C-alpha atoms as a PDB file:
ATOM      1  CA  UNK A   1      31.855  26.796  22.436  1.00  0.00           C
ATOM      2  CA  UNK A   2      29.087  27.111  19.846  1.00  0.00           C
ATOM      3  CA  UNK A   3      29.564  23.493  18.714  1.00  0.00           C
ATOM      4  CA  UNK A   4      28.939  22.213  22.233  1.00  0.00           C
ATOM      5  CA  UNK A   5      25.784  24.323  22.537  1.00  0.00           C
ATOM      6  CA  UNK A   6      24.574  22.977  19.198  1.00  0.00           C
ATOM      7  CA  UNK A   7      25.185  19.405  20.387  1.00  0.00           C
ATOM      8  CA  UNK A   8      23.340  20.146  23.636  1.00  0.00           C
ATOM      9  CA  UNK A   9      20.421  21.593  21.669  1.00  0.00           C
ATOM     10  CA  UNK A  10      20.292  18.484  19.470  1.00  0.00           C
ATOM     11  CA  UNK A  11      20.381  16.265  22.501  1.00  0.00           C
ATOM     12  CA  UNK A  12      17.565  18.238  24.137  1.00  0.00           C
ATOM     13  CA  UNK A  13      15.524  18.150  20.927  1.00  0.00           C
ATOM     14  CA  UNK A  14      16.078  14.406  20.605  1.00  0.00           C
ATOM     15  CA  UNK A  15      15.071  13.831  24.217  1.00  0.00           C
ATOM     16  CA  UNK A  16      11.905  15.902  23.822  1.00  0.00           C
ATOM     17  CA  UNK A  17      11.007  14.071  20.601  1.00  0.00           C
ATOM     18  CA  UNK A  18      11.581  10.690  22.239  1.00  0.00           C
ATOM     19  CA  UNK A  19       9.442  11.705  25.226  1.00  0.00           C
ATOM     20  CA  UNK A  20       6.608  12.782  22.948  1.00  0.00           C
ATOM     21  CA  UNK A  21       6.840   9.514  21.034  1.00  0.00           C
ATOM     22  CA  UNK A  22       6.725   7.458  24.243  1.00  0.00           C
ATOM     23  CA  UNK A  23       3.779   9.486  25.568  1.00  0.00           C
ATOM     24  CA  UNK A  24       1.827   8.958  22.358  1.00  0.00           C
ATOM     25  CA  UNK A  25       2.521   5.211  22.419  1.00  0.00           C
ATOM     26  CA  UNK A  26       1.304   5.007  26.018  1.00  0.00           C
ATOM     27  CA  UNK A  27      -1.829   6.999  25.146  1.00  0.00           C
ATOM     28  CA  UNK A  28      -2.629   4.622  22.275  1.00  0.00           C
ATOM     29  CA  UNK A  29      -2.053   1.521  24.424  1.00  0.00           C
ATOM     30  CA  UNK A  30      -4.225   2.886  27.255  1.00  0.00           C
ATOM     31  CA  UNK A  31      -7.015   3.851  24.859  1.00  0.00           C
ATOM     32  CA  UNK A  32      -6.829   0.447  23.160  1.00  0.00           C
ATOM     33  CA  UNK A  33      -7.350  -1.300  26.515  1.00  0.00           C
ATOM     34  CA  UNK A  34     -10.610   0.631  26.933  1.00  0.00           C
ATOM     35  CA  UNK A  35     -11.578   0.129  23.262  1.00  0.00           C
ATOM     36  CA  UNK A  36     -11.293   3.897  22.893  1.00  0.00           C
ATOM     37  CA  UNK A  37     -10.754   6.244  19.981  1.00  0.00           C
ATOM     38  CA  UNK A  38      -8.321   9.003  19.213  1.00  0.00           C
ATOM     39  CA  UNK A  39      -9.504  12.104  17.413  1.00  0.00           C
ATOM     40  CA  UNK A  40      -7.310  13.813  14.840  1.00  0.00           C
ATOM     41  CA  UNK A  41      -7.676  16.631  12.369  1.00  0.00           C
ATOM     42  CA  UNK A  42      -6.713  15.532   8.866  1.00  0.00           C
ATOM     43  CA  UNK A  43      -6.926  17.986   5.967  1.00  0.00           C
ATOM     44  CA  UNK A  44      -9.264  20.165   8.013  1.00  0.00           C
ATOM     45  CA  UNK A  45     -11.661  17.314   8.818  1.00  0.00           C
ATOM     46  CA  UNK A  46     -12.188  15.632  12.181  1.00  0.00           C
ATOM     47  CA  UNK A  47     -11.233  11.947  12.011  1.00  0.00           C
ATOM     48  CA  UNK A  48     -11.898   9.341  14.697  1.00  0.00           C
ATOM     49  CA  UNK A  49      -9.635   6.298  14.741  1.00  0.00           C
ATOM     50  CA  UNK A  50      -9.917   3.301  17.029  1.00  0.00           C
ATOM     51  CA  UNK A  51      -6.776   2.952  19.126  1.00  0.00           C
ATOM     52  CA  UNK A  52      -6.639  -0.758  18.294  1.00  0.00           C
ATOM     53  CA  UNK A  53      -6.396   0.126  14.597  1.00  0.00           C
ATOM     54  CA  UNK A  54      -3.435   2.412  15.319  1.00  0.00           C
ATOM     55  CA  UNK A  55      -1.720  -0.395  17.232  1.00  0.00           C
ATOM     56  CA  UNK A  56      -2.218  -2.739  14.268  1.00  0.00           C
ATOM     57  CA  UNK A  57      -0.665  -0.153  11.940  1.00  0.00           C
ATOM     58  CA  UNK A  58       2.315   0.381  14.251  1.00  0.00           C
ATOM     59  CA  UNK A  59       3.140  -3.325  14.342  1.00  0.00           C
ATOM     60  CA  UNK A  60       3.235  -3.646  10.527  1.00  0.00           C
END
């Protein structure tokens, strides 16, 4: 029974991860249409990145 629960947990984790990935892609595409930016924290510093630049990096 534990194996099945582990498989169900993996499936749930995979589905959540895929949903997050799709949501982020949609956010980037929507921001790129409006020539918007996304704001991240990198090494404790606030970084602004144009959504269009992220799209270019994803297609490479």
